[in-house]
Amino acid sequence: LKQQMKNATREAVQKDTYSFDTLRKRKDGSCVRVSLSLGSVSVEGKLAGFIGVYKSIEEAKAYEEKLQRSSEEWRRTFDSISDQVFILDTNFNLLKVNKATCDALKKEASELIGKRCFEVVHGTSEPWPNCPCLKTFNTKTPATEEINDPNLGIPLLVTVSPILDAKGDLCGVVHISKEITNRKKQEILLLESQQRFAALFRGNPEATVFVDTDMHILDVN
């Protein structure tokens, strides 16, 4: 503390006033965090001494630490999401990106923040056709679209949700991209199966009727 006070008095002489955080002991021996504001006092142009004002910052520091823990917890949760998630402003600028987004684009978060999403995701100079962000910007409601961009190499189900301020104005969106490669493969297999069945059904030389469980006729060849 003595060295700290020595440094503080030197700063106070140079700047007239100087503030720093430190610990002080209470009468019961416990420590309390305080902010000390130190001001130099001059008489007839000569340094006469210093005036120090202590202010408890225990509650402020506790709130700051709580806020920091909350921020860290939010970041861990954000980065644990396997889908690509990022937050945009209303000009398509990336504000926050999760780890899955960085991994997919093979870039660090610092390389993405501040850039427009379509530039880094699609490699284009304008939004993707049928971009769900445009719909949300216009309607302030969630929007979902399937996007199959050759630049990405995988099909994505993109959901965009609005972020509204206290006045109800749109101030940004949450953009979630979910890879649907397996689902698309299953859809293709199902379609191929349906086509094979239809070909057999239509090509059967015998009279064939397709009925439901209540014996309602659905189709005939």
C-alpha atoms as a PDB file:
ATOM      1  CA  LEU A   1       0.000   0.000   0.000  1.00  0.00           C
ATOM      2  CA  LYS A   2       2.870   2.383   0.786  1.00  0.00           C
ATOM      3  CA  GLN A   3       4.257   2.009  -2.730  1.00  0.00           C
ATOM      4  CA  GLN A   4       0.768   2.422  -4.134  1.00  0.00           C
ATOM      5  CA  MET A   5       0.278   5.646  -2.175  1.00  0.00           C
ATOM      6  CA  LYS A   6       3.712   6.890  -3.255  1.00  0.00           C
ATOM      7  CA  ASN A   7       2.807   6.352  -6.894  1.00  0.00           C
ATOM      8  CA  ALA A   8      -0.609   7.984  -6.327  1.00  0.00           C
ATOM      9  CA  THR A   9       0.856  11.116  -4.767  1.00  0.00           C
ATOM     10  CA  ARG A  10       3.282  11.460  -7.659  1.00  0.00           C
ATOM     11  CA  GLU A  11       0.383  11.186 -10.116  1.00  0.00           C
ATOM     12  CA  ALA A  12      -1.691  13.641  -8.091  1.00  0.00           C
ATOM     13  CA  VAL A  13       1.108  16.228  -8.219  1.00  0.00           C
ATOM     14  CA  GLN A  14       1.366  15.854 -11.993  1.00  0.00           C
ATOM     15  CA  LYS A  15      -2.380  15.779 -12.701  1.00  0.00           C
ATOM     16  CA  ASP A  16      -3.796  17.685  -9.668  1.00  0.00           C
ATOM     17  CA  THR A  17      -6.102  14.713  -8.930  1.00  0.00           C
ATOM     18  CA  TYR A  18      -5.689  10.958  -9.187  1.00  0.00           C
ATOM     19  CA  SER A  19      -8.022   8.059  -8.383  1.00  0.00           C
ATOM     20  CA  PHE A  20      -7.363   4.348  -7.914  1.00  0.00           C
ATOM     21  CA  ASP A  21      -9.017   1.296  -6.365  1.00  0.00           C
ATOM     22  CA  THR A  22      -7.536  -0.364  -3.318  1.00  0.00           C
ATOM     23  CA  LEU A  23      -8.362  -2.423  -0.240  1.00  0.00           C
ATOM     24  CA  ARG A  24      -8.763  -0.974   3.254  1.00  0.00           C
ATOM     25  CA  LYS A  25      -9.186  -2.770   6.545  1.00  0.00           C
ATOM     26  CA  ARG A  26     -12.239  -2.254   8.722  1.00  0.00           C
ATOM     27  CA  LYS A  27     -12.016  -2.140  12.517  1.00  0.00           C
ATOM     28  CA  ASP A  28     -13.043  -5.802  12.658  1.00  0.00           C
ATOM     29  CA  GLY A  29     -10.099  -6.744  10.438  1.00  0.00           C
ATOM     30  CA  SER A  30     -12.121  -7.466   7.322  1.00  0.00           C
ATOM     31  CA  CYS A  31     -11.205  -5.783   4.042  1.00  0.00           C
ATOM     32  CA  VAL A  32     -13.380  -3.527   1.944  1.00  0.00           C
ATOM     33  CA  ARG A  33     -12.787  -2.357  -1.605  1.00  0.00           C
ATOM     34  CA  VAL A  34     -12.650   1.417  -1.947  1.00  0.00           C
ATOM     35  CA  SER A  35     -11.893   4.053  -4.526  1.00  0.00           C
ATOM     36  CA  LEU A  36      -9.412   6.655  -3.311  1.00  0.00           C
ATOM     37  CA  SER A  37      -9.431  10.078  -4.950  1.00  0.00           C
ATOM     38  CA  LEU A  38      -6.285  11.995  -4.144  1.00  0.00           C
ATOM     39  CA  GLY A  39      -5.869  15.714  -4.792  1.00  0.00           C
ATOM     40  CA  SER A  40      -2.791  17.863  -4.315  1.00  0.00           C
ATOM     41  CA  VAL A  41      -3.039  21.071  -2.266  1.00  0.00           C
ATOM     42  CA  SER A  42      -0.706  23.975  -2.960  1.00  0.00           C
ATOM     43  CA  VAL A  43      -0.124  27.112  -0.892  1.00  0.00           C
ATOM     44  CA  GLU A  44       1.542  30.076  -2.547  1.00  0.00           C
ATOM     45  CA  GLY A  45       2.609  27.874  -5.399  1.00  0.00           C
ATOM     46  CA  LYS A  46       4.214  25.251  -3.184  1.00  0.00           C
ATOM     47  CA  LEU A  47       2.915  21.753  -2.502  1.00  0.00           C
ATOM     48  CA  ALA A  48       1.412  21.743   0.966  1.00  0.00           C
ATOM     49  CA  GLY A  49      -0.100  18.259   1.049  1.00  0.00           C
ATOM     50  CA  PHE A  50      -2.870  16.071  -0.250  1.00  0.00           C
ATOM     51  CA  ILE A  51      -6.577  15.545   0.336  1.00  0.00           C
ATOM     52  CA  GLY A  52      -7.841  11.998   0.037  1.00  0.00           C
ATOM     53  CA  VAL A  53     -11.460  10.902  -0.282  1.00  0.00           C
ATOM     54  CA  TYR A  54     -12.391   7.251   0.191  1.00  0.00           C
ATOM     55  CA  LYS A  55     -15.544   5.832  -1.365  1.00  0.00           C
ATOM     56  CA  SER A  56     -16.716   2.265  -0.893  1.00  0.00           C
ATOM     57  CA  ILE A  57     -17.053   0.413  -4.210  1.00  0.00           C
ATOM     58  CA  GLU A  58     -17.943  -2.956  -2.699  1.00  0.00           C
ATOM     59  CA  GLU A  59     -21.432  -3.067  -4.227  1.00  0.00           C
ATOM     60  CA  ALA A  60     -20.240  -1.711  -7.573  1.00  0.00           C
ATOM     61  CA  LYS A  61     -17.440  -4.294  -7.740  1.00  0.00           C
ATOM     62  CA  ALA A  62     -19.799  -7.103  -6.723  1.00  0.00           C
ATOM     63  CA  TYR A  63     -22.197  -6.055  -9.485  1.00  0.00           C
ATOM     64  CA  GLU A  64     -19.311  -5.807 -11.965  1.00  0.00           C
ATOM     65  CA  GLU A  65     -18.138  -9.324 -11.079  1.00  0.00           C
ATOM     66  CA  LYS A  66     -21.694 -10.654 -11.341  1.00  0.00           C
ATOM     67  CA  LEU A  67     -22.047  -9.018 -14.747  1.00  0.00           C
ATOM     68  CA  GLN A  68     -18.727 -10.511 -15.833  1.00  0.00           C
ATOM     69  CA  ARG A  69     -19.778 -14.008 -14.720  1.00  0.00           C
ATOM     70  CA  SER A  70     -23.088 -13.613 -16.535  1.00  0.00           C
ATOM     71  CA  SER A  71     -21.282 -12.507 -19.693  1.00  0.00           C
ATOM     72  CA  GLU A  72     -18.901 -15.460 -19.519  1.00  0.00           C
ATOM     73  CA  GLU A  73     -21.784 -17.883 -18.947  1.00  0.00           C
ATOM     74  CA  TRP A  74     -23.646 -16.414 -21.927  1.00  0.00           C
ATOM     75  CA  ARG A  75     -20.536 -16.798 -24.120  1.00  0.00           C
ATOM     76  CA  ARG A  76     -20.031 -20.425 -23.066  1.00  0.00           C
ATOM     77  CA  THR A  77     -23.672 -21.205 -23.845  1.00  0.00           C
ATOM     78  CA  PHE A  78     -23.480 -19.320 -27.153  1.00  0.00           C
ATOM     79  CA  ASP A  79     -20.359 -21.228 -28.198  1.00  0.00           C
ATOM     80  CA  SER A  80     -21.758 -24.606 -27.096  1.00  0.00           C
ATOM     81  CA  ILE A  81     -24.563 -24.424 -29.704  1.00  0.00           C
ATOM     82  CA  SER A  82     -23.694 -26.763 -32.579  1.00  0.00           C
ATOM     83  CA  ASP A  83     -25.679 -24.727 -35.121  1.00  0.00           C
ATOM     84  CA  GLN A  84     -24.130 -21.655 -36.692  1.00  0.00           C
ATOM     85  CA  VAL A  85     -25.503 -18.659 -34.787  1.00  0.00           C
ATOM     86  CA  PHE A  86     -24.753 -14.997 -35.271  1.00  0.00           C
ATOM     87  CA  ILE A  87     -26.332 -11.669 -34.411  1.00  0.00           C
ATOM     88  CA  LEU A  88     -26.709  -8.950 -37.035  1.00  0.00           C
ATOM     89  CA  ASP A  89     -27.639  -5.295 -36.996  1.00  0.00           C
ATOM     90  CA  THR A  90     -30.163  -3.944 -39.518  1.00  0.00           C
ATOM     91  CA  ASN A  91     -27.383  -3.333 -42.066  1.00  0.00           C
ATOM     92  CA  PHE A  92     -26.353  -7.011 -42.161  1.00  0.00           C
ATOM     93  CA  ASN A  93     -23.229  -6.304 -40.091  1.00  0.00           C
ATOM     94  CA  LEU A  94     -22.071  -9.164 -37.867  1.00  0.00           C
ATOM     95  CA  LEU A  95     -22.153  -8.191 -34.184  1.00  0.00           C
ATOM     96  CA  LYS A  96     -21.575 -11.569 -32.527  1.00  0.00           C
ATOM     97  CA  VAL A  97     -20.683 -15.000 -33.895  1.00  0.00           C
ATOM     98  CA  ASN A  98     -20.499 -18.348 -32.111  1.00  0.00           C
ATOM     99  CA  LYS A  99     -17.726 -20.940 -32.350  1.00  0.00           C
ATOM    100  CA  ALA A 100     -19.654 -23.099 -34.842  1.00  0.00           C
ATOM    101  CA  THR A 101     -19.833 -20.137 -37.231  1.00  0.00           C
ATOM    102  CA  CYS A 102     -16.100 -19.487 -36.911  1.00  0.00           C
ATOM    103  CA  ASP A 103     -15.332 -23.168 -37.469  1.00  0.00           C
ATOM    104  CA  ALA A 104     -17.591 -23.371 -40.538  1.00  0.00           C
ATOM    105  CA  LEU A 105     -16.050 -20.258 -42.101  1.00  0.00           C
ATOM    106  CA  LYS A 106     -12.536 -21.136 -40.901  1.00  0.00           C
ATOM    107  CA  LYS A 107     -12.030 -17.684 -39.437  1.00  0.00           C
ATOM    108  CA  GLU A 108     -11.551 -16.082 -36.048  1.00  0.00           C
ATOM    109  CA  ALA A 109     -14.384 -14.017 -34.566  1.00  0.00           C
ATOM    110  CA  SER A 110     -12.246 -10.877 -34.897  1.00  0.00           C
ATOM    111  CA  GLU A 111     -12.058 -11.467 -38.665  1.00  0.00           C
ATOM    112  CA  LEU A 112     -15.864 -11.585 -38.939  1.00  0.00           C
ATOM    113  CA  ILE A 113     -17.203  -8.948 -36.532  1.00  0.00           C
ATOM    114  CA  GLY A 114     -18.183  -5.771 -38.356  1.00  0.00           C
ATOM    115  CA  LYS A 115     -18.383  -7.387 -41.782  1.00  0.00           C
ATOM    116  CA  ARG A 116     -21.606  -7.941 -43.690  1.00  0.00           C
ATOM    117  CA  CYS A 117     -22.887 -11.496 -43.411  1.00  0.00           C
ATOM    118  CA  PHE A 118     -23.478 -12.125 -47.121  1.00  0.00           C
ATOM    119  CA  GLU A 119     -19.914 -11.087 -47.939  1.00  0.00           C
ATOM    120  CA  VAL A 120     -18.306 -13.609 -45.596  1.00  0.00           C
ATOM    121  CA  VAL A 121     -20.930 -16.380 -45.807  1.00  0.00           C
ATOM    122  CA  HIS A 122     -21.954 -16.323 -49.481  1.00  0.00           C
ATOM    123  CA  GLY A 123     -19.065 -14.378 -50.988  1.00  0.00           C
ATOM    124  CA  THR A 124     -21.494 -11.936 -52.627  1.00  0.00           C
ATOM    125  CA  SER A 125     -21.915  -8.171 -52.673  1.00  0.00           C
ATOM    126  CA  GLU A 126     -25.622  -8.322 -51.895  1.00  0.00           C
ATOM    127  CA  PRO A 127     -28.006 -10.449 -49.790  1.00  0.00           C
ATOM    128  CA  TRP A 128     -28.783 -13.994 -50.875  1.00  0.00           C
ATOM    129  CA  PRO A 129     -31.986 -14.344 -52.968  1.00  0.00           C
ATOM    130  CA  ASN A 130     -34.960 -14.995 -50.669  1.00  0.00           C
ATOM    131  CA  CYS A 131     -32.794 -14.121 -47.679  1.00  0.00           C
ATOM    132  CA  PRO A 132     -34.918 -14.576 -44.525  1.00  0.00           C
ATOM    133  CA  CYS A 133     -33.199 -11.538 -42.983  1.00  0.00           C
ATOM    134  CA  LEU A 134     -34.875  -9.289 -45.557  1.00  0.00           C
ATOM    135  CA  LYS A 135     -38.263 -10.717 -44.631  1.00  0.00           C
ATOM    136  CA  THR A 136     -37.644 -10.148 -40.926  1.00  0.00           C
ATOM    137  CA  PHE A 137     -36.363  -6.617 -41.559  1.00  0.00           C
ATOM    138  CA  ASN A 138     -39.614  -5.848 -43.383  1.00  0.00           C
ATOM    139  CA  THR A 139     -42.081  -7.635 -41.098  1.00  0.00           C
ATOM    140  CA  LYS A 140     -40.381  -7.725 -37.649  1.00  0.00           C
ATOM    141  CA  THR A 141     -41.419 -11.388 -37.491  1.00  0.00           C
ATOM    142  CA  PRO A 142     -39.397 -14.645 -37.674  1.00  0.00           C
ATOM    143  CA  ALA A 143     -38.651 -16.095 -41.100  1.00  0.00           C
ATOM    144  CA  THR A 144     -37.277 -19.467 -42.241  1.00  0.00           C
ATOM    145  CA  GLU A 145     -35.769 -20.516 -45.564  1.00  0.00           C
ATOM    146  CA  GLU A 146     -33.801 -23.441 -46.940  1.00  0.00           C
ATOM    147  CA  ILE A 147     -30.549 -22.257 -48.500  1.00  0.00           C
ATOM    148  CA  ASN A 148     -28.332 -24.391 -50.697  1.00  0.00           C
ATOM    149  CA  ASP A 149     -25.366 -22.226 -51.604  1.00  0.00           C
ATOM    150  CA  PRO A 150     -22.591 -23.935 -53.642  1.00  0.00           C
ATOM    151  CA  ASN A 151     -20.173 -21.591 -51.881  1.00  0.00           C
ATOM    152  CA  LEU A 152     -20.994 -23.363 -48.603  1.00  0.00           C
ATOM    153  CA  GLY A 153     -21.284 -26.881 -49.960  1.00  0.00           C
ATOM    154  CA  ILE A 154     -24.019 -27.937 -47.517  1.00  0.00           C
ATOM    155  CA  PRO A 155     -27.787 -27.367 -47.358  1.00  0.00           C
ATOM    156  CA  LEU A 156     -28.921 -25.172 -44.487  1.00  0.00           C
ATOM    157  CA  LEU A 157     -32.209 -24.433 -42.795  1.00  0.00           C
ATOM    158  CA  VAL A 158     -31.934 -20.770 -41.819  1.00  0.00           C
ATOM    159  CA  THR A 159     -34.173 -19.204 -39.177  1.00  0.00           C
ATOM    160  CA  VAL A 160     -34.045 -15.486 -38.445  1.00  0.00           C
ATOM    161  CA  SER A 161     -35.693 -13.944 -35.362  1.00  0.00           C
ATOM    162  CA  PRO A 162     -36.105 -10.211 -34.675  1.00  0.00           C
ATOM    163  CA  ILE A 163     -34.500  -8.279 -31.802  1.00  0.00           C
ATOM    164  CA  LEU A 164     -36.701  -5.358 -30.787  1.00  0.00           C
ATOM    165  CA  ASP A 165     -35.793  -2.423 -28.574  1.00  0.00           C
ATOM    166  CA  ALA A 166     -37.949  -0.991 -25.774  1.00  0.00           C
ATOM    167  CA  LYS A 167     -39.955   1.009 -28.316  1.00  0.00           C
ATOM    168  CA  GLY A 168     -40.669  -2.043 -30.454  1.00  0.00           C
ATOM    169  CA  ASP A 169     -38.309  -0.953 -33.210  1.00  0.00           C
ATOM    170  CA  LEU A 170     -36.128  -3.532 -34.920  1.00  0.00           C
ATOM    171  CA  CYS A 171     -32.497  -3.167 -33.850  1.00  0.00           C
ATOM    172  CA  GLY A 172     -31.100  -6.488 -35.059  1.00  0.00           C
ATOM    173  CA  VAL A 173     -31.747 -10.170 -35.690  1.00  0.00           C
ATOM    174  CA  VAL A 174     -30.586 -13.573 -34.491  1.00  0.00           C
ATOM    175  CA  HIS A 175     -29.572 -15.738 -37.455  1.00  0.00           C
ATOM    176  CA  ILE A 176     -29.432 -19.536 -36.925  1.00  0.00           C
ATOM    177  CA  SER A 177     -28.201 -21.891 -39.644  1.00  0.00           C
ATOM    178  CA  LYS A 178     -28.828 -25.604 -39.156  1.00  0.00           C
ATOM    179  CA  GLU A 179     -27.161 -28.124 -41.423  1.00  0.00           C
ATOM    180  CA  ILE A 180     -29.772 -30.439 -42.945  1.00  0.00           C
ATOM    181  CA  THR A 181     -27.592 -32.700 -45.092  1.00  0.00           C
ATOM    182  CA  ASN A 182     -29.001 -35.903 -43.584  1.00  0.00           C
ATOM    183  CA  ARG A 183     -32.583 -34.666 -43.877  1.00  0.00           C
ATOM    184  CA  LYS A 184     -32.075 -33.760 -47.530  1.00  0.00           C
ATOM    185  CA  LYS A 185     -30.590 -37.208 -48.186  1.00  0.00           C
ATOM    186  CA  GLN A 186     -33.642 -38.815 -46.594  1.00  0.00           C
ATOM    187  CA  GLU A 187     -35.941 -36.616 -48.693  1.00  0.00           C
ATOM    188  CA  ILE A 188     -34.125 -37.689 -51.866  1.00  0.00           C
ATOM    189  CA  LEU A 189     -34.358 -41.375 -50.890  1.00  0.00           C
ATOM    190  CA  LEU A 190     -38.068 -40.971 -50.131  1.00  0.00           C
ATOM    191  CA  LEU A 191     -38.683 -39.237 -53.445  1.00  0.00           C
ATOM    192  CA  GLU A 192     -36.805 -41.950 -55.344  1.00  0.00           C
ATOM    193  CA  SER A 193     -38.814 -44.607 -53.511  1.00  0.00           C
ATOM    194  CA  GLN A 194     -42.069 -42.857 -54.398  1.00  0.00           C
ATOM    195  CA  GLN A 195     -41.009 -42.594 -58.024  1.00  0.00           C
ATOM    196  CA  ARG A 196     -40.147 -46.308 -58.165  1.00  0.00           C
ATOM    197  CA  PHE A 197     -43.493 -47.203 -56.611  1.00  0.00           C
ATOM    198  CA  ALA A 198     -45.329 -44.928 -59.041  1.00  0.00           C
ATOM    199  CA  ALA A 199     -43.517 -46.486 -61.992  1.00  0.00           C
ATOM    200  CA  LEU A 200     -44.418 -49.994 -60.859  1.00  0.00           C
ATOM    201  CA  PHE A 201     -47.978 -48.949 -60.084  1.00  0.00           C
ATOM    202  CA  ARG A 202     -48.528 -47.303 -63.447  1.00  0.00           C
ATOM    203  CA  GLY A 203     -46.719 -50.038 -65.371  1.00  0.00           C
ATOM    204  CA  ASN A 204     -48.600 -52.954 -63.831  1.00  0.00           C
ATOM    205  CA  PRO A 205     -50.563 -54.634 -66.666  1.00  0.00           C
ATOM    206  CA  GLU A 206     -53.180 -55.789 -64.173  1.00  0.00           C
ATOM    207  CA  ALA A 207     -55.927 -53.436 -62.938  1.00  0.00           C
ATOM    208  CA  THR A 208     -54.536 -51.969 -59.733  1.00  0.00           C
ATOM    209  CA  VAL A 209     -56.251 -49.812 -57.134  1.00  0.00           C
ATOM    210  CA  PHE A 210     -54.575 -47.906 -54.279  1.00  0.00           C
ATOM    211  CA  VAL A 211     -56.857 -47.473 -51.236  1.00  0.00           C
ATOM    212  CA  ASP A 212     -56.470 -46.099 -47.716  1.00  0.00           C
ATOM    213  CA  THR A 213     -57.250 -47.973 -44.491  1.00  0.00           C
ATOM    214  CA  ASP A 214     -60.956 -47.069 -44.831  1.00  0.00           C
ATOM    215  CA  MET A 215     -61.027 -48.540 -48.333  1.00  0.00           C
ATOM    216  CA  HIS A 216     -61.330 -45.149 -50.005  1.00  0.00           C
ATOM    217  CA  ILE A 217     -59.825 -45.198 -53.495  1.00  0.00           C
ATOM    218  CA  LEU A 218     -56.807 -42.910 -53.671  1.00  0.00           C
ATOM    219  CA  ASP A 219     -55.428 -43.836 -57.077  1.00  0.00           C
ATOM    220  CA  VAL A 220     -55.839 -46.283 -59.977  1.00  0.00           C
ATOM    221  CA  ASN A 221     -53.523 -47.287 -62.765  1.00  0.00           C
END
